[in-house]
Amino acid sequence: MPPEARQNFRRNAERWMQMSPEERNVMRQRENLRRQTIQRETETALRESGLRLNPQERAQFESRYVQERRKVEQTLRQQIEAERQKELPALIQQLKKEFQIDQPVRSPATKPAESANPKK
């Protein structure tokens, strides 16, 4: 296992240990749902391919489908993150302008008005 994957695994294990039993149960349910979804989609892909495979070939097909799907999803996540990083500076500038309009402009040199009766 590459060092980055090992570190990620360790972080996830630590997070898991810190979760409450309820949180762990929710995570298990999500993972089961994800696996069921992938299983259904794998079966659909096999059916749509029109291939007639023996059990061993079917297992290989399913394994490759999941493996390649994981790569596609990782690539898409990276593309989305890259796009997000490109868009964020403009978003921040837009919000900065909007919120500056809503606030009275104060320059650092501006001092509070002095009272009409200066102390002597």
C-alpha atoms as a PDB file:
ATOM      1  CA  MET A   1       0.000   0.000   0.000  1.00  0.00           C
ATOM      2  CA  PRO A   2       1.456   3.413  -0.942  1.00  0.00           C
ATOM      3  CA  PRO A   3       2.369   5.727   1.966  1.00  0.00           C
ATOM      4  CA  GLU A   4      -0.439   8.174   1.125  1.00  0.00           C
ATOM      5  CA  ALA A   5      -3.028   5.372   1.131  1.00  0.00           C
ATOM      6  CA  ARG A   6      -1.617   4.024   4.389  1.00  0.00           C
ATOM      7  CA  GLN A   7      -1.860   7.462   5.993  1.00  0.00           C
ATOM      8  CA  ASN A   8      -5.425   7.871   4.726  1.00  0.00           C
ATOM      9  CA  PHE A   9      -6.327   4.447   6.124  1.00  0.00           C
ATOM     10  CA  ARG A  10      -4.840   5.360   9.507  1.00  0.00           C
ATOM     11  CA  ARG A  11      -6.769   8.654   9.606  1.00  0.00           C
ATOM     12  CA  ASN A  12     -10.012   6.883   8.746  1.00  0.00           C
ATOM     13  CA  ALA A  13      -9.389   4.243  11.420  1.00  0.00           C
ATOM     14  CA  GLU A  14      -8.798   6.959  14.015  1.00  0.00           C
ATOM     15  CA  ARG A  15     -11.990   8.744  12.957  1.00  0.00           C
ATOM     16  CA  TRP A  16     -13.889   5.459  13.184  1.00  0.00           C
ATOM     17  CA  MET A  17     -12.629   4.838  16.717  1.00  0.00           C
ATOM     18  CA  GLN A  18     -13.792   8.299  17.797  1.00  0.00           C
ATOM     19  CA  MET A  19     -17.328   7.836  16.427  1.00  0.00           C
ATOM     20  CA  SER A  20     -20.238   7.003  18.646  1.00  0.00           C
ATOM     21  CA  PRO A  21     -22.038   3.674  18.054  1.00  0.00           C
ATOM     22  CA  GLU A  22     -24.890   5.583  16.380  1.00  0.00           C
ATOM     23  CA  GLU A  23     -22.495   7.341  13.993  1.00  0.00           C
ATOM     24  CA  ARG A  24     -20.832   4.037  13.154  1.00  0.00           C
ATOM     25  CA  ASN A  25     -24.218   2.502  12.424  1.00  0.00           C
ATOM     26  CA  VAL A  26     -25.098   5.385  10.090  1.00  0.00           C
ATOM     27  CA  MET A  27     -21.761   4.933   8.294  1.00  0.00           C
ATOM     28  CA  ARG A  28     -22.387   1.191   7.923  1.00  0.00           C
ATOM     29  CA  GLN A  29     -25.836   1.868   6.483  1.00  0.00           C
ATOM     30  CA  ARG A  30     -24.418   4.394   3.998  1.00  0.00           C
ATOM     31  CA  GLU A  31     -21.722   1.944   2.934  1.00  0.00           C
ATOM     32  CA  ASN A  32     -24.267  -0.850   2.486  1.00  0.00           C
ATOM     33  CA  LEU A  33     -26.448   1.447   0.395  1.00  0.00           C
ATOM     34  CA  ARG A  34     -23.437   2.474  -1.718  1.00  0.00           C
ATOM     35  CA  ARG A  35     -22.502  -1.174  -2.285  1.00  0.00           C
ATOM     36  CA  GLN A  36     -26.071  -2.078  -3.251  1.00  0.00           C
ATOM     37  CA  THR A  37     -26.166   0.802  -5.725  1.00  0.00           C
ATOM     38  CA  ILE A  38     -22.875  -0.254  -7.294  1.00  0.00           C
ATOM     39  CA  GLN A  39     -24.040  -3.879  -7.437  1.00  0.00           C
ATOM     40  CA  ARG A  40     -27.248  -2.859  -9.239  1.00  0.00           C
ATOM     41  CA  GLU A  41     -25.324  -0.669 -11.664  1.00  0.00           C
ATOM     42  CA  THR A  42     -22.793  -3.446 -12.285  1.00  0.00           C
ATOM     43  CA  GLU A  43     -25.592  -5.875 -13.090  1.00  0.00           C
ATOM     44  CA  THR A  44     -27.163  -3.290 -15.407  1.00  0.00           C
ATOM     45  CA  ALA A  45     -23.833  -2.754 -17.185  1.00  0.00           C
ATOM     46  CA  LEU A  46     -23.397  -6.502 -17.642  1.00  0.00           C
ATOM     47  CA  ARG A  47     -26.945  -6.894 -18.929  1.00  0.00           C
ATOM     48  CA  GLU A  48     -26.580  -3.944 -21.326  1.00  0.00           C
ATOM     49  CA  SER A  49     -23.280  -5.324 -22.622  1.00  0.00           C
ATOM     50  CA  GLY A  50     -25.114  -8.386 -23.893  1.00  0.00           C
ATOM     51  CA  LEU A  51     -22.313 -10.652 -22.682  1.00  0.00           C
ATOM     52  CA  ARG A  52     -23.064 -14.182 -21.511  1.00  0.00           C
ATOM     53  CA  LEU A  53     -20.414 -14.965 -18.929  1.00  0.00           C
ATOM     54  CA  ASN A  54     -19.728 -17.939 -16.723  1.00  0.00           C
ATOM     55  CA  PRO A  55     -19.531 -17.243 -12.964  1.00  0.00           C
ATOM     56  CA  GLN A  56     -15.752 -16.741 -13.009  1.00  0.00           C
ATOM     57  CA  GLU A  57     -15.895 -14.311 -15.951  1.00  0.00           C
ATOM     58  CA  ARG A  58     -18.827 -12.532 -14.356  1.00  0.00           C
ATOM     59  CA  ALA A  59     -16.820 -12.028 -11.159  1.00  0.00           C
ATOM     60  CA  GLN A  60     -13.920 -10.649 -13.222  1.00  0.00           C
ATOM     61  CA  PHE A  61     -16.277  -8.337 -15.125  1.00  0.00           C
ATOM     62  CA  GLU A  62     -17.785  -7.051 -11.873  1.00  0.00           C
ATOM     63  CA  SER A  63     -14.359  -6.534 -10.336  1.00  0.00           C
ATOM     64  CA  ARG A  64     -13.078  -4.609 -13.359  1.00  0.00           C
ATOM     65  CA  TYR A  65     -16.270  -2.567 -13.564  1.00  0.00           C
ATOM     66  CA  VAL A  66     -15.928  -1.495  -9.929  1.00  0.00           C
ATOM     67  CA  GLN A  67     -12.211  -0.799 -10.373  1.00  0.00           C
ATOM     68  CA  GLU A  68     -12.701   1.310 -13.505  1.00  0.00           C
ATOM     69  CA  ARG A  69     -15.717   3.065 -12.020  1.00  0.00           C
ATOM     70  CA  ARG A  70     -13.609   4.050  -9.008  1.00  0.00           C
ATOM     71  CA  LYS A  71     -11.018   5.570 -11.365  1.00  0.00           C
ATOM     72  CA  VAL A  72     -13.704   7.503 -13.247  1.00  0.00           C
ATOM     73  CA  GLU A  73     -15.192   8.808 -10.004  1.00  0.00           C
ATOM     74  CA  GLN A  74     -11.756   9.849  -8.719  1.00  0.00           C
ATOM     75  CA  THR A  75     -11.037  11.701 -11.957  1.00  0.00           C
ATOM     76  CA  LEU A  76     -14.394  13.455 -11.765  1.00  0.00           C
ATOM     77  CA  ARG A  77     -13.773  14.466  -8.137  1.00  0.00           C
ATOM     78  CA  GLN A  78     -10.400  15.921  -9.124  1.00  0.00           C
ATOM     79  CA  GLN A  79     -11.953  17.818 -12.039  1.00  0.00           C
ATOM     80  CA  ILE A  80     -14.702  19.202  -9.825  1.00  0.00           C
ATOM     81  CA  GLU A  81     -12.185  20.277  -7.184  1.00  0.00           C
ATOM     82  CA  ALA A  82      -9.989  21.956  -9.817  1.00  0.00           C
ATOM     83  CA  GLU A  83     -13.014  23.785 -11.221  1.00  0.00           C
ATOM     84  CA  ARG A  84     -14.076  24.809  -7.707  1.00  0.00           C
ATOM     85  CA  GLN A  85     -10.623  26.221  -6.991  1.00  0.00           C
ATOM     86  CA  LYS A  86     -10.764  28.235 -10.233  1.00  0.00           C
ATOM     87  CA  GLU A  87     -14.217  29.635  -9.380  1.00  0.00           C
ATOM     88  CA  LEU A  88     -13.657  30.485  -5.707  1.00  0.00           C
ATOM     89  CA  PRO A  89     -11.500  33.630  -6.133  1.00  0.00           C
ATOM     90  CA  ALA A  90     -14.168  35.263  -8.327  1.00  0.00           C
ATOM     91  CA  LEU A  91     -16.861  34.249  -5.849  1.00  0.00           C
ATOM     92  CA  ILE A  92     -14.890  35.715  -2.961  1.00  0.00           C
ATOM     93  CA  GLN A  93     -14.356  38.974  -4.863  1.00  0.00           C
ATOM     94  CA  GLN A  94     -18.051  39.176  -5.723  1.00  0.00           C
ATOM     95  CA  LEU A  95     -19.051  38.644  -2.100  1.00  0.00           C
ATOM     96  CA  LYS A  96     -16.420  41.109  -0.947  1.00  0.00           C
ATOM     97  CA  LYS A  97     -17.921  43.790  -3.220  1.00  0.00           C
ATOM     98  CA  GLU A  98     -21.475  42.992  -2.124  1.00  0.00           C
ATOM     99  CA  PHE A  99     -20.639  43.158   1.549  1.00  0.00           C
ATOM    100  CA  GLN A 100     -18.548  46.316   1.204  1.00  0.00           C
ATOM    101  CA  ILE A 101     -21.554  48.057  -0.374  1.00  0.00           C
ATOM    102  CA  ASP A 102     -23.681  47.090   2.625  1.00  0.00           C
ATOM    103  CA  GLN A 103     -21.182  48.494   5.117  1.00  0.00           C
ATOM    104  CA  PRO A 104     -20.404  52.174   5.610  1.00  0.00           C
ATOM    105  CA  VAL A 105     -16.986  52.948   4.208  1.00  0.00           C
ATOM    106  CA  ARG A 106     -14.452  53.903   6.855  1.00  0.00           C
ATOM    107  CA  SER A 107     -10.930  54.827   6.072  1.00  0.00           C
ATOM    108  CA  PRO A 108      -8.294  54.054   8.689  1.00  0.00           C
ATOM    109  CA  ALA A 109      -7.435  57.802   8.888  1.00  0.00           C
ATOM    110  CA  THR A 110     -10.988  58.736   9.885  1.00  0.00           C
ATOM    111  CA  LYS A 111     -11.246  59.592  13.564  1.00  0.00           C
ATOM    112  CA  PRO A 112     -14.412  59.885  15.617  1.00  0.00           C
ATOM    113  CA  ALA A 113     -15.793  63.435  15.668  1.00  0.00           C
ATOM    114  CA  GLU A 114     -14.405  65.515  18.500  1.00  0.00           C
ATOM    115  CA  SER A 115     -16.851  67.102  20.886  1.00  0.00           C
ATOM    116  CA  ALA A 116     -17.809  70.765  20.385  1.00  0.00           C
ATOM    117  CA  ASN A 117     -16.553  71.624  23.862  1.00  0.00           C
ATOM    118  CA  PRO A 118     -12.871  70.786  23.966  1.00  0.00           C
ATOM    119  CA  LYS A 119     -11.540  70.310  27.463  1.00  0.00           C
ATOM    120  CA  LYS A 120      -9.201  73.008  28.719  1.00  0.00           C
END
